[in-house]
Amino acid sequence: QVQLVESGGGLVQAGGSLRLSCIASGRTTDTLHMGWFRQTPAKEREFVACISNLAYYTDYTQSVKGRFTISRDNAKNTVYLQMNSLKPNDPAVYFCEALHTTRRYTELARGAYDFWGQGTQVTVSS
């Protein structure tokens, strides 16, 4: 009964920044670990970042460390992905995903999820 809605994608120059947002409804967000994943037509779904339900822990894939930051505001039922220094290998459809706290947040980094959104397109030019 959880719905996730992403927004914030668009076209950006290489080296630029975007902030993606994901609003969750249907369940209290403090009982959901959250993550961001991306997918292109030629690749399988790739883990990008995750954050535990109370934001005590985060994890990132190696290629985005130091450039992307995941955060959340549970009072607004929202998780964010701040994307800086975007590179040519970053363009993809980015998906917000959620995982019940019956599992560890680290499972998101290993590909697990219970819910996912419709995705938002990120395009990097130049």
N, C-alpha and C. Protein backbone atom coordinates (compact mmCIF):
# COMPACT_ATOMS: atom_id res chain seq x y z
N GLN A 1 0.82 -1.22 0.00
CA GLN A 1 0.00 0.00 0.00
C GLN A 1 0.85 1.26 0.00
N VAL A 2 2.09 1.15 -0.45
CA VAL A 2 3.01 2.28 -0.51
C VAL A 2 3.14 2.74 -1.95
N GLN A 3 3.04 4.03 -2.15
CA GLN A 3 3.27 4.63 -3.45
C GLN A 3 4.41 5.63 -3.36
N LEU A 4 5.31 5.59 -4.33
CA LEU A 4 6.45 6.47 -4.39
C LEU A 4 6.38 7.29 -5.66
N VAL A 5 6.58 8.60 -5.53
CA VAL A 5 6.53 9.50 -6.67
C VAL A 5 7.81 10.31 -6.71
N GLU A 6 8.58 10.14 -7.79
CA GLU A 6 9.84 10.85 -7.95
C GLU A 6 9.64 12.11 -8.80
N SER A 7 10.52 13.06 -8.59
CA SER A 7 10.55 14.27 -9.40
C SER A 7 11.96 14.86 -9.35
N GLY A 8 12.22 15.82 -10.21
CA GLY A 8 13.48 16.54 -10.17
C GLY A 8 14.44 16.22 -11.29
N GLY A 9 14.15 15.22 -12.10
CA GLY A 9 15.02 14.90 -13.21
C GLY A 9 14.96 15.96 -14.29
N GLY A 10 15.90 15.87 -15.21
CA GLY A 10 15.94 16.82 -16.31
C GLY A 10 17.27 16.79 -17.01
N LEU A 11 17.50 17.82 -17.79
CA LEU A 11 18.72 17.97 -18.58
C LEU A 11 19.70 18.87 -17.84
N VAL A 12 20.93 18.44 -17.75
CA VAL A 12 21.96 19.22 -17.07
C VAL A 12 23.28 19.04 -17.81
N GLN A 13 24.09 20.07 -17.79
CA GLN A 13 25.42 20.00 -18.37
C GLN A 13 26.34 19.14 -17.51
N ALA A 14 27.30 18.50 -18.14
CA ALA A 14 28.31 17.77 -17.38
C ALA A 14 28.96 18.71 -16.37
N GLY A 15 29.10 18.21 -15.16
CA GLY A 15 29.62 19.03 -14.08
C GLY A 15 28.55 19.76 -13.29
N GLY A 16 27.32 19.73 -13.77
CA GLY A 16 26.24 20.41 -13.10
C GLY A 16 25.60 19.57 -12.02
N SER A 17 24.48 20.08 -11.49
CA SER A 17 23.82 19.46 -10.35
C SER A 17 22.32 19.35 -10.56
N LEU A 18 21.73 18.35 -9.92
CA LEU A 18 20.29 18.18 -9.83
C LEU A 18 19.96 17.65 -8.45
N ARG A 19 18.75 17.91 -8.00
CA ARG A 19 18.26 17.29 -6.79
C ARG A 19 16.97 16.54 -7.09
N LEU A 20 16.99 15.25 -6.86
CA LEU A 20 15.82 14.41 -7.04
C LEU A 20 15.06 14.30 -5.72
N SER A 21 13.74 14.24 -5.83
CA SER A 21 12.88 14.09 -4.66
C SER A 21 11.97 12.89 -4.85
N CYS A 22 11.63 12.26 -3.75
CA CYS A 22 10.72 11.13 -3.76
C CYS A 22 9.79 11.26 -2.57
N ILE A 23 8.50 11.31 -2.84
CA ILE A 23 7.49 11.41 -1.79
C ILE A 23 6.82 10.05 -1.64
N ALA A 24 6.78 9.57 -0.42
CA ALA A 24 6.17 8.29 -0.11
C ALA A 24 4.82 8.49 0.57
N SER A 25 3.86 7.66 0.21
CA SER A 25 2.55 7.70 0.84
C SER A 25 2.08 6.29 1.11
N GLY A 26 1.18 6.16 2.06
CA GLY A 26 0.59 4.87 2.37
C GLY A 26 1.20 4.14 3.55
N ARG A 27 2.29 4.64 4.07
CA ARG A 27 2.96 4.02 5.20
C ARG A 27 3.83 5.07 5.89
N THR A 28 3.99 4.94 7.18
CA THR A 28 4.85 5.87 7.90
C THR A 28 6.28 5.67 7.43
N THR A 29 6.93 6.77 7.08
CA THR A 29 8.25 6.67 6.48
C THR A 29 9.33 6.24 7.45
N ASP A 30 9.09 6.36 8.74
CA ASP A 30 10.11 5.91 9.68
C ASP A 30 10.17 4.39 9.79
N THR A 31 9.31 3.70 9.09
CA THR A 31 9.37 2.25 9.02
C THR A 31 9.82 1.76 7.65
N LEU A 32 10.40 2.66 6.85
CA LEU A 32 10.88 2.32 5.53
C LEU A 32 12.33 2.77 5.36
N HIS A 33 13.19 1.86 5.00
CA HIS A 33 14.48 2.24 4.45
C HIS A 33 14.25 2.69 3.01
N MET A 34 15.05 3.64 2.54
CA MET A 34 14.85 4.21 1.22
C MET A 34 16.14 4.15 0.41
N GLY A 35 15.98 4.09 -0.89
CA GLY A 35 17.15 4.06 -1.75
C GLY A 35 16.86 4.64 -3.11
N TRP A 36 17.93 4.91 -3.84
CA TRP A 36 17.86 5.35 -5.22
C TRP A 36 18.61 4.38 -6.09
N PHE A 37 18.02 4.08 -7.23
CA PHE A 37 18.61 3.17 -8.21
C PHE A 37 18.47 3.82 -9.59
N ARG A 38 19.24 3.34 -10.54
CA ARG A 38 19.14 3.88 -11.89
C ARG A 38 19.20 2.75 -12.90
N GLN A 39 18.64 3.04 -14.08
CA GLN A 39 18.55 2.02 -15.11
C GLN A 39 18.60 2.66 -16.49
N THR A 40 19.35 2.04 -17.38
CA THR A 40 19.39 2.40 -18.78
C THR A 40 18.92 1.21 -19.59
N PRO A 41 18.56 1.41 -20.87
CA PRO A 41 18.11 0.26 -21.66
C PRO A 41 19.13 -0.85 -21.78
N ALA A 42 20.41 -0.52 -21.70
CA ALA A 42 21.46 -1.51 -21.90
C ALA A 42 21.97 -2.15 -20.62
N LYS A 43 21.50 -1.67 -19.47
CA LYS A 43 22.04 -2.15 -18.21
C LYS A 43 20.93 -2.58 -17.27
N GLU A 44 21.28 -3.48 -16.38
CA GLU A 44 20.37 -3.86 -15.31
C GLU A 44 20.27 -2.72 -14.30
N ARG A 45 19.23 -2.78 -13.51
CA ARG A 45 19.05 -1.81 -12.44
C ARG A 45 20.30 -1.76 -11.56
N GLU A 46 20.78 -0.56 -11.30
CA GLU A 46 22.01 -0.35 -10.56
C GLU A 46 21.74 0.43 -9.29
N PHE A 47 22.22 -0.08 -8.19
CA PHE A 47 22.14 0.62 -6.92
C PHE A 47 22.95 1.90 -6.97
N VAL A 48 22.40 2.99 -6.43
CA VAL A 48 23.09 4.27 -6.36
C VAL A 48 23.36 4.67 -4.91
N ALA A 49 22.32 4.71 -4.09
CA ALA A 49 22.46 5.16 -2.71
C ALA A 49 21.29 4.66 -1.89
N CYS A 50 21.49 4.56 -0.58
CA CYS A 50 20.40 4.20 0.31
C CYS A 50 20.58 4.89 1.65
N ILE A 51 19.50 4.94 2.40
CA ILE A 51 19.51 5.58 3.71
C ILE A 51 18.57 4.81 4.62
N SER A 52 19.00 4.58 5.85
CA SER A 52 18.19 3.82 6.79
C SER A 52 16.98 4.64 7.24
N ASN A 53 16.04 3.98 7.89
CA ASN A 53 14.74 4.61 8.14
C ASN A 53 14.81 5.88 8.97
N LEU A 54 15.75 5.95 9.90
CA LEU A 54 15.91 7.14 10.74
C LEU A 54 17.15 7.95 10.35
N ALA A 55 17.72 7.66 9.20
CA ALA A 55 18.84 8.41 8.63
C ALA A 55 20.13 8.27 9.43
N TYR A 56 20.24 7.21 10.22
CA TYR A 56 21.49 6.99 10.94
C TYR A 56 22.62 6.49 10.04
N TYR A 57 22.26 5.83 8.94
CA TYR A 57 23.25 5.21 8.09
C TYR A 57 22.95 5.50 6.63
N THR A 58 24.00 5.62 5.84
CA THR A 58 23.87 5.75 4.40
C THR A 58 24.91 4.87 3.72
N ASP A 59 24.66 4.59 2.45
CA ASP A 59 25.61 3.82 1.66
C ASP A 59 25.49 4.28 0.21
N TYR A 60 26.61 4.21 -0.52
CA TYR A 60 26.67 4.68 -1.89
C TYR A 60 27.46 3.70 -2.74
N THR A 61 27.09 3.64 -4.00
CA THR A 61 27.94 2.90 -4.92
C THR A 61 29.22 3.71 -5.15
N GLN A 62 30.29 3.01 -5.45
CA GLN A 62 31.61 3.63 -5.52
C GLN A 62 31.66 4.80 -6.49
N SER A 63 30.99 4.69 -7.62
CA SER A 63 31.12 5.69 -8.66
C SER A 63 30.49 7.05 -8.31
N VAL A 64 29.66 7.12 -7.27
CA VAL A 64 29.02 8.38 -6.91
C VAL A 64 29.51 8.93 -5.57
N LYS A 65 30.37 8.22 -4.89
CA LYS A 65 30.86 8.69 -3.60
C LYS A 65 31.57 10.03 -3.75
N GLY A 66 31.23 10.95 -2.87
CA GLY A 66 31.80 12.28 -2.93
C GLY A 66 31.06 13.23 -3.84
N ARG A 67 30.13 12.73 -4.65
CA ARG A 67 29.37 13.57 -5.57
C ARG A 67 27.88 13.61 -5.24
N PHE A 68 27.33 12.48 -4.83
CA PHE A 68 25.90 12.39 -4.53
C PHE A 68 25.70 12.31 -3.02
N THR A 69 24.58 12.86 -2.56
CA THR A 69 24.22 12.79 -1.15
C THR A 69 22.75 12.42 -1.02
N ILE A 70 22.47 11.37 -0.28
CA ILE A 70 21.10 10.98 -0.01
C ILE A 70 20.70 11.51 1.37
N SER A 71 19.49 12.01 1.48
CA SER A 71 18.98 12.52 2.75
C SER A 71 17.48 12.30 2.80
N ARG A 72 16.89 12.54 3.96
CA ARG A 72 15.45 12.36 4.07
C ARG A 72 14.88 13.29 5.11
N ASP A 73 13.60 13.60 4.94
CA ASP A 73 12.83 14.39 5.89
C ASP A 73 11.56 13.61 6.15
N ASN A 74 11.56 12.85 7.23
CA ASN A 74 10.42 11.97 7.49
C ASN A 74 9.14 12.74 7.80
N ALA A 75 9.27 13.94 8.33
CA ALA A 75 8.08 14.76 8.58
C ALA A 75 7.37 15.12 7.29
N LYS A 76 8.11 15.17 6.18
CA LYS A 76 7.54 15.47 4.87
C LYS A 76 7.39 14.23 4.01
N ASN A 77 7.70 13.07 4.56
CA ASN A 77 7.61 11.80 3.82
C ASN A 77 8.42 11.83 2.54
N THR A 78 9.59 12.44 2.60
CA THR A 78 10.37 12.70 1.40
C THR A 78 11.82 12.27 1.58
N VAL A 79 12.37 11.68 0.53
CA VAL A 79 13.79 11.38 0.46
C VAL A 79 14.37 12.12 -0.74
N TYR A 80 15.62 12.54 -0.63
CA TYR A 80 16.26 13.35 -1.64
C TYR A 80 17.55 12.68 -2.12
N LEU A 81 17.92 13.01 -3.33
CA LEU A 81 19.23 12.65 -3.84
C LEU A 81 19.83 13.90 -4.48
N GLN A 82 20.80 14.49 -3.80
CA GLN A 82 21.52 15.62 -4.34
C GLN A 82 22.65 15.11 -5.21
N MET A 83 22.64 15.49 -6.47
CA MET A 83 23.58 14.98 -7.45
C MET A 83 24.45 16.14 -7.94
N ASN A 84 25.70 16.12 -7.58
CA ASN A 84 26.66 17.13 -7.99
C ASN A 84 27.70 16.54 -8.91
N SER A 85 28.36 17.41 -9.66
CA SER A 85 29.44 16.99 -10.56
C SER A 85 29.02 15.84 -11.46
N LEU A 86 27.87 16.00 -12.10
CA LEU A 86 27.33 14.93 -12.93
C LEU A 86 28.27 14.61 -14.09
N LYS A 87 28.37 13.33 -14.38
CA LYS A 87 29.29 12.82 -15.39
C LYS A 87 28.53 12.13 -16.52
N PRO A 88 29.20 11.91 -17.65
CA PRO A 88 28.51 11.28 -18.79
C PRO A 88 27.97 9.89 -18.49
N ASN A 89 28.51 9.19 -17.52
CA ASN A 89 28.00 7.86 -17.18
C ASN A 89 26.87 7.89 -16.16
N ASP A 90 26.41 9.07 -15.77
CA ASP A 90 25.31 9.19 -14.83
C ASP A 90 23.92 9.20 -15.46
N PRO A 91 23.76 9.55 -16.75
CA PRO A 91 22.40 9.61 -17.29
C PRO A 91 21.69 8.27 -17.20
N ALA A 92 20.43 8.31 -16.80
CA ALA A 92 19.62 7.12 -16.63
C ALA A 92 18.25 7.54 -16.13
N VAL A 93 17.34 6.58 -16.07
CA VAL A 93 16.12 6.77 -15.31
C VAL A 93 16.42 6.41 -13.86
N TYR A 94 16.16 7.34 -12.98
CA TYR A 94 16.42 7.13 -11.57
C TYR A 94 15.13 6.77 -10.86
N PHE A 95 15.18 5.71 -10.08
CA PHE A 95 14.02 5.19 -9.37
C PHE A 95 14.23 5.29 -7.86
N CYS A 96 13.19 5.70 -7.18
CA CYS A 96 13.14 5.66 -5.74
C CYS A 96 12.58 4.31 -5.30
N GLU A 97 13.19 3.70 -4.31
CA GLU A 97 12.75 2.40 -3.83
C GLU A 97 12.69 2.39 -2.31
N ALA A 98 11.81 1.55 -1.79
CA ALA A 98 11.60 1.46 -0.35
C ALA A 98 11.67 0.01 0.10
N LEU A 99 12.13 -0.18 1.33
CA LEU A 99 12.28 -1.50 1.91
C LEU A 99 11.76 -1.47 3.34
N HIS A 100 10.89 -2.42 3.67
CA HIS A 100 10.38 -2.51 5.04
C HIS A 100 11.53 -2.74 6.02
N THR A 101 11.37 -2.18 7.22
CA THR A 101 12.41 -2.32 8.23
C THR A 101 12.48 -3.70 8.85
N THR A 102 11.65 -4.62 8.39
CA THR A 102 11.83 -6.01 8.77
C THR A 102 13.13 -6.58 8.19
N ARG A 103 13.71 -5.89 7.24
CA ARG A 103 15.00 -6.24 6.67
C ARG A 103 15.99 -5.10 6.95
N ARG A 104 17.26 -5.41 6.87
CA ARG A 104 18.28 -4.41 7.11
C ARG A 104 18.40 -3.46 5.92
N TYR A 105 18.72 -2.21 6.20
CA TYR A 105 18.85 -1.22 5.13
C TYR A 105 19.93 -1.62 4.13
N THR A 106 20.93 -2.35 4.59
CA THR A 106 22.01 -2.77 3.70
C THR A 106 21.52 -3.66 2.57
N GLU A 107 20.36 -4.27 2.73
CA GLU A 107 19.83 -5.10 1.66
C GLU A 107 19.47 -4.28 0.42
N LEU A 108 19.17 -2.99 0.60
CA LEU A 108 18.92 -2.14 -0.55
C LEU A 108 20.15 -2.09 -1.46
N ALA A 109 21.32 -1.98 -0.87
CA ALA A 109 22.55 -1.94 -1.65
C ALA A 109 22.80 -3.24 -2.39
N ARG A 110 22.17 -4.31 -1.94
CA ARG A 110 22.33 -5.61 -2.57
C ARG A 110 21.20 -5.94 -3.53
N GLY A 111 20.33 -4.96 -3.78
CA GLY A 111 19.31 -5.12 -4.80
C GLY A 111 17.90 -5.38 -4.32
N ALA A 112 17.68 -5.45 -3.02
CA ALA A 112 16.36 -5.74 -2.49
C ALA A 112 15.49 -4.49 -2.45
N TYR A 113 14.19 -4.67 -2.64
CA TYR A 113 13.23 -3.59 -2.49
C TYR A 113 11.84 -4.18 -2.35
N ASP A 114 10.95 -3.41 -1.74
CA ASP A 114 9.55 -3.79 -1.64
C ASP A 114 8.65 -2.94 -2.52
N PHE A 115 9.04 -1.69 -2.75
CA PHE A 115 8.25 -0.77 -3.57
C PHE A 115 9.20 0.08 -4.39
N TRP A 116 8.70 0.55 -5.54
CA TRP A 116 9.48 1.45 -6.35
C TRP A 116 8.57 2.44 -7.06
N GLY A 117 9.12 3.57 -7.45
CA GLY A 117 8.35 4.60 -8.11
C GLY A 117 8.39 4.48 -9.62
N GLN A 118 7.88 5.51 -10.29
CA GLN A 118 7.78 5.48 -11.74
C GLN A 118 9.06 5.89 -12.43
N GLY A 119 9.97 6.50 -11.71
CA GLY A 119 11.25 6.93 -12.26
C GLY A 119 11.23 8.35 -12.76
N THR A 120 12.40 8.96 -12.77
CA THR A 120 12.57 10.30 -13.33
C THR A 120 13.85 10.31 -14.15
N GLN A 121 13.79 10.90 -15.33
CA GLN A 121 14.89 10.85 -16.29
C GLN A 121 15.93 11.91 -15.98
N VAL A 122 17.18 11.49 -15.96
CA VAL A 122 18.31 12.40 -15.82
C VAL A 122 19.13 12.31 -17.10
N THR A 123 19.35 13.44 -17.74
CA THR A 123 20.13 13.52 -18.97
C THR A 123 21.29 14.48 -18.77
N VAL A 124 22.47 14.06 -19.14
CA VAL A 124 23.67 14.88 -19.00
C VAL A 124 24.19 15.20 -20.39
N SER A 125 24.36 16.47 -20.69
CA SER A 125 24.84 16.92 -21.99
C SER A 125 26.30 17.35 -21.89
N SER A 126 26.91 17.52 -23.09
CA SER A 126 28.32 17.90 -23.23
C SER A 126 29.24 16.89 -22.57
